[in-house]
Amino acid sequence: MAAPGMTRYRARAESRTGLYSFERRPLRLSPPLEKRFRAAKGAWAYFQAQPPWYRRTSTFWVMSAKREETRTRRLATLIDCSARGRWIPALERA
């Protein structure tokens, strides 16, 4: 990295580090949520066939929700979209 880039890197605020999914360790679905997803065999097969970045990002989208109700609702969306052979709306490409 060039000197100006290193200067900016050293000046970064720690409070702004590790906020995004690509800066963190990949999350996994909790065992109950994964069990529910695996029960929908077609949706699970489609999900497993997707690129690693999509699986990581959509899993982060589900698991990053603060409330259990939100995680459950997001998982239902992920299962529904996967069953229809589509990506979740937040990650669809035009």
N, C-alpha and C. Protein backbone atom coordinates (compact mmCIF):
# COMPACT_ATOMS: atom_id res chain seq x y z
N MET A 1 0.86 -1.17 0.00
CA MET A 1 0.00 0.00 0.00
C MET A 1 0.90 1.23 0.00
N ALA A 2 0.48 2.25 -0.70
CA ALA A 2 1.24 3.49 -0.78
C ALA A 2 1.13 4.26 0.54
N ALA A 3 2.06 5.17 0.75
CA ALA A 3 2.13 5.95 1.99
C ALA A 3 0.81 6.67 2.33
N PRO A 4 0.16 7.34 1.37
CA PRO A 4 -1.10 8.01 1.73
C PRO A 4 -2.17 7.02 2.23
N GLY A 5 -2.20 5.85 1.62
CA GLY A 5 -3.17 4.83 2.05
C GLY A 5 -2.87 4.33 3.45
N MET A 6 -1.60 4.12 3.76
CA MET A 6 -1.21 3.67 5.10
C MET A 6 -1.53 4.74 6.14
N THR A 7 -1.34 6.01 5.78
CA THR A 7 -1.66 7.10 6.69
C THR A 7 -3.15 7.09 7.03
N ARG A 8 -3.99 6.91 6.02
CA ARG A 8 -5.44 6.85 6.24
C ARG A 8 -5.82 5.62 7.06
N TYR A 9 -5.16 4.51 6.78
CA TYR A 9 -5.44 3.27 7.50
C TYR A 9 -5.11 3.43 8.98
N ARG A 10 -3.98 4.00 9.30
CA ARG A 10 -3.59 4.18 10.70
C ARG A 10 -4.48 5.19 11.43
N ALA A 11 -5.09 6.12 10.68
CA ALA A 11 -5.93 7.15 11.28
C ALA A 11 -7.39 6.70 11.44
N ARG A 12 -7.71 5.48 11.03
CA ARG A 12 -9.10 5.03 11.09
C ARG A 12 -9.59 4.96 12.54
N ALA A 13 -10.87 5.12 12.70
CA ALA A 13 -11.49 5.05 14.03
C ALA A 13 -11.88 3.59 14.31
N GLU A 14 -11.43 3.05 15.41
CA GLU A 14 -11.75 1.67 15.78
C GLU A 14 -13.26 1.46 15.93
N SER A 15 -13.98 2.52 16.30
CA SER A 15 -15.43 2.39 16.46
C SER A 15 -16.14 2.16 15.13
N ARG A 16 -15.45 2.44 14.03
CA ARG A 16 -16.03 2.25 12.69
C ARG A 16 -15.48 1.00 12.01
N THR A 17 -14.82 0.15 12.76
CA THR A 17 -14.23 -1.07 12.21
C THR A 17 -15.06 -2.28 12.61
N GLY A 18 -15.21 -3.21 11.71
CA GLY A 18 -15.92 -4.45 12.00
C GLY A 18 -17.43 -4.33 11.96
N LEU A 19 -17.94 -3.33 11.26
CA LEU A 19 -19.38 -3.12 11.20
C LEU A 19 -20.06 -3.90 10.08
N TYR A 20 -19.32 -4.19 9.04
CA TYR A 20 -19.91 -4.77 7.84
C TYR A 20 -19.66 -6.27 7.78
N SER A 21 -20.52 -6.96 7.04
CA SER A 21 -20.44 -8.42 6.98
C SER A 21 -19.10 -8.90 6.46
N PHE A 22 -18.49 -8.20 5.51
CA PHE A 22 -17.22 -8.64 4.95
C PHE A 22 -16.05 -8.43 5.91
N GLU A 23 -16.25 -7.68 6.99
CA GLU A 23 -15.20 -7.44 7.97
C GLU A 23 -15.26 -8.43 9.13
N ARG A 24 -16.26 -9.27 9.14
CA ARG A 24 -16.47 -10.18 10.26
C ARG A 24 -16.25 -11.62 9.84
N ARG A 25 -16.12 -12.46 10.84
CA ARG A 25 -16.10 -13.89 10.58
C ARG A 25 -17.47 -14.30 10.06
N PRO A 26 -17.51 -15.23 9.13
CA PRO A 26 -18.83 -15.65 8.62
C PRO A 26 -19.72 -16.19 9.74
N LEU A 27 -20.97 -15.76 9.72
CA LEU A 27 -21.95 -16.25 10.68
C LEU A 27 -22.57 -17.54 10.16
N ARG A 28 -23.06 -18.34 11.07
CA ARG A 28 -23.81 -19.54 10.71
C ARG A 28 -25.23 -19.36 11.24
N LEU A 29 -26.16 -20.02 10.59
CA LEU A 29 -27.52 -20.02 11.11
C LEU A 29 -27.51 -20.76 12.44
N SER A 30 -28.34 -20.33 13.36
CA SER A 30 -28.43 -21.04 14.64
C SER A 30 -29.00 -22.43 14.35
N PRO A 31 -28.69 -23.42 15.18
CA PRO A 31 -29.18 -24.79 14.92
C PRO A 31 -30.69 -24.89 14.67
N PRO A 32 -31.55 -24.22 15.46
CA PRO A 32 -32.99 -24.34 15.16
C PRO A 32 -33.37 -23.75 13.80
N LEU A 33 -32.75 -22.62 13.43
CA LEU A 33 -33.05 -22.01 12.14
C LEU A 33 -32.52 -22.86 10.99
N GLU A 34 -31.33 -23.40 11.16
CA GLU A 34 -30.77 -24.26 10.12
C GLU A 34 -31.62 -25.51 9.93
N LYS A 35 -32.09 -26.08 11.03
CA LYS A 35 -32.95 -27.27 10.96
C LYS A 35 -34.22 -26.95 10.17
N ARG A 36 -34.79 -25.78 10.43
CA ARG A 36 -36.00 -25.37 9.73
C ARG A 36 -35.72 -25.18 8.24
N PHE A 37 -34.58 -24.61 7.93
CA PHE A 37 -34.20 -24.39 6.53
C PHE A 37 -33.97 -25.73 5.83
N ARG A 38 -33.24 -26.63 6.47
CA ARG A 38 -32.96 -27.94 5.87
C ARG A 38 -34.23 -28.75 5.64
N ALA A 39 -35.26 -28.51 6.42
CA ALA A 39 -36.52 -29.23 6.26
C ALA A 39 -37.18 -28.90 4.92
N ALA A 40 -36.91 -27.72 4.41
CA ALA A 40 -37.40 -27.33 3.08
C ALA A 40 -36.34 -27.76 2.08
N LYS A 41 -36.36 -29.01 1.70
CA LYS A 41 -35.29 -29.63 0.93
C LYS A 41 -34.95 -28.91 -0.38
N GLY A 42 -35.96 -28.54 -1.14
CA GLY A 42 -35.70 -27.85 -2.40
C GLY A 42 -35.05 -26.49 -2.18
N ALA A 43 -35.53 -25.76 -1.19
CA ALA A 43 -34.97 -24.45 -0.88
C ALA A 43 -33.53 -24.59 -0.39
N TRP A 44 -33.28 -25.58 0.45
CA TRP A 44 -31.94 -25.81 0.97
C TRP A 44 -30.98 -26.18 -0.17
N ALA A 45 -31.42 -27.04 -1.07
CA ALA A 45 -30.57 -27.45 -2.20
C ALA A 45 -30.23 -26.24 -3.08
N TYR A 46 -31.21 -25.39 -3.34
CA TYR A 46 -30.96 -24.19 -4.14
C TYR A 46 -29.95 -23.28 -3.42
N PHE A 47 -30.17 -23.07 -2.14
CA PHE A 47 -29.29 -22.21 -1.35
C PHE A 47 -27.86 -22.73 -1.37
N GLN A 48 -27.68 -24.02 -1.20
CA GLN A 48 -26.35 -24.62 -1.18
C GLN A 48 -25.65 -24.53 -2.53
N ALA A 49 -26.40 -24.40 -3.60
CA ALA A 49 -25.83 -24.31 -4.95
C ALA A 49 -25.40 -22.88 -5.30
N GLN A 50 -25.71 -21.92 -4.45
CA GLN A 50 -25.39 -20.52 -4.73
C GLN A 50 -23.93 -20.21 -4.40
N PRO A 51 -23.40 -19.12 -4.96
CA PRO A 51 -22.01 -18.74 -4.70
C PRO A 51 -21.77 -18.49 -3.20
N PRO A 52 -20.55 -18.74 -2.74
CA PRO A 52 -20.24 -18.53 -1.32
C PRO A 52 -20.56 -17.13 -0.81
N TRP A 53 -20.31 -16.11 -1.62
CA TRP A 53 -20.59 -14.74 -1.15
C TRP A 53 -22.08 -14.58 -0.86
N TYR A 54 -22.93 -15.18 -1.69
CA TYR A 54 -24.38 -15.05 -1.47
C TYR A 54 -24.79 -15.77 -0.19
N ARG A 55 -24.28 -16.97 0.02
CA ARG A 55 -24.62 -17.72 1.23
C ARG A 55 -24.16 -16.97 2.48
N ARG A 56 -22.95 -16.43 2.45
CA ARG A 56 -22.44 -15.66 3.60
C ARG A 56 -23.28 -14.42 3.86
N THR A 57 -23.57 -13.68 2.81
CA THR A 57 -24.29 -12.41 2.96
C THR A 57 -25.73 -12.62 3.40
N SER A 58 -26.40 -13.60 2.82
CA SER A 58 -27.79 -13.84 3.21
C SER A 58 -27.88 -14.42 4.61
N THR A 59 -26.91 -15.25 4.99
CA THR A 59 -26.88 -15.75 6.37
C THR A 59 -26.65 -14.61 7.35
N PHE A 60 -25.74 -13.70 7.00
CA PHE A 60 -25.50 -12.52 7.84
C PHE A 60 -26.77 -11.69 7.95
N TRP A 61 -27.49 -11.55 6.84
CA TRP A 61 -28.73 -10.77 6.83
C TRP A 61 -29.74 -11.37 7.82
N VAL A 62 -29.85 -12.68 7.85
CA VAL A 62 -30.78 -13.34 8.78
C VAL A 62 -30.29 -13.19 10.21
N MET A 63 -29.05 -13.56 10.47
CA MET A 63 -28.54 -13.64 11.84
C MET A 63 -28.19 -12.29 12.47
N SER A 64 -28.05 -11.24 11.67
CA SER A 64 -27.70 -9.93 12.24
C SER A 64 -28.90 -9.21 12.84
N ALA A 65 -30.08 -9.73 12.63
CA ALA A 65 -31.27 -9.11 13.23
C ALA A 65 -31.20 -9.20 14.75
N LYS A 66 -31.58 -8.16 15.42
CA LYS A 66 -31.49 -8.13 16.89
C LYS A 66 -32.59 -8.94 17.56
N ARG A 67 -33.77 -8.94 16.96
CA ARG A 67 -34.91 -9.63 17.58
C ARG A 67 -35.14 -10.98 16.92
N GLU A 68 -35.53 -11.94 17.73
CA GLU A 68 -35.79 -13.29 17.22
C GLU A 68 -36.91 -13.28 16.18
N GLU A 69 -37.92 -12.45 16.38
CA GLU A 69 -39.03 -12.38 15.42
C GLU A 69 -38.53 -11.93 14.05
N THR A 70 -37.59 -11.00 14.05
CA THR A 70 -37.04 -10.50 12.79
C THR A 70 -36.20 -11.59 12.13
N ARG A 71 -35.39 -12.31 12.90
CA ARG A 71 -34.61 -13.41 12.33
C ARG A 71 -35.53 -14.46 11.72
N THR A 72 -36.62 -14.78 12.42
CA THR A 72 -37.57 -15.77 11.92
C THR A 72 -38.23 -15.29 10.63
N ARG A 73 -38.61 -14.03 10.58
CA ARG A 73 -39.24 -13.47 9.38
C ARG A 73 -38.25 -13.45 8.22
N ARG A 74 -37.01 -13.07 8.49
CA ARG A 74 -36.00 -13.05 7.42
C ARG A 74 -35.70 -14.45 6.92
N LEU A 75 -35.65 -15.42 7.82
CA LEU A 75 -35.42 -16.80 7.39
C LEU A 75 -36.57 -17.27 6.52
N ALA A 76 -37.80 -16.92 6.87
CA ALA A 76 -38.95 -17.30 6.06
C ALA A 76 -38.84 -16.70 4.66
N THR A 77 -38.37 -15.48 4.57
CA THR A 77 -38.15 -14.84 3.26
C THR A 77 -37.08 -15.58 2.48
N LEU A 78 -35.99 -15.92 3.14
CA LEU A 78 -34.89 -16.65 2.50
C LEU A 78 -35.36 -18.02 2.00
N ILE A 79 -36.12 -18.72 2.81
CA ILE A 79 -36.63 -20.03 2.42
C ILE A 79 -37.58 -19.89 1.23
N ASP A 80 -38.49 -18.93 1.31
CA ASP A 80 -39.46 -18.72 0.23
C ASP A 80 -38.76 -18.38 -1.08
N CYS A 81 -37.83 -17.46 -1.04
CA CYS A 81 -37.11 -17.08 -2.25
C CYS A 81 -36.30 -18.25 -2.80
N SER A 82 -35.65 -18.98 -1.93
CA SER A 82 -34.85 -20.14 -2.36
C SER A 82 -35.74 -21.20 -2.98
N ALA A 83 -36.91 -21.42 -2.41
CA ALA A 83 -37.84 -22.42 -2.95
C ALA A 83 -38.31 -22.03 -4.35
N ARG A 84 -38.37 -20.73 -4.62
CA ARG A 84 -38.79 -20.24 -5.93
C ARG A 84 -37.60 -20.08 -6.88
N GLY A 85 -36.39 -20.42 -6.39
CA GLY A 85 -35.21 -20.30 -7.23
C GLY A 85 -34.76 -18.88 -7.46
N ARG A 86 -34.96 -18.04 -6.44
CA ARG A 86 -34.60 -16.62 -6.55
C ARG A 86 -33.75 -16.22 -5.37
N TRP A 87 -33.02 -15.13 -5.53
CA TRP A 87 -32.27 -14.56 -4.42
C TRP A 87 -33.19 -13.67 -3.61
N ILE A 88 -32.78 -13.40 -2.37
CA ILE A 88 -33.57 -12.50 -1.54
C ILE A 88 -33.57 -11.12 -2.21
N PRO A 89 -34.63 -10.35 -2.06
CA PRO A 89 -34.72 -9.04 -2.76
C PRO A 89 -33.54 -8.12 -2.50
N ALA A 90 -33.00 -8.13 -1.31
CA ALA A 90 -31.89 -7.22 -0.99
C ALA A 90 -30.64 -7.52 -1.83
N LEU A 91 -30.52 -8.74 -2.34
CA LEU A 91 -29.31 -9.13 -3.08
C LEU A 91 -29.57 -9.42 -4.55
N GLU A 92 -30.80 -9.22 -4.99
CA GLU A 92 -31.10 -9.45 -6.41
C GLU A 92 -30.35 -8.46 -7.28
N ARG A 93 -29.90 -8.96 -8.38
CA ARG A 93 -29.22 -8.09 -9.35
C ARG A 93 -30.17 -7.81 -10.49
N ALA A 94 -30.12 -6.60 -10.97
CA ALA A 94 -31.02 -6.18 -12.05
C ALA A 94 -30.68 -6.85 -13.36
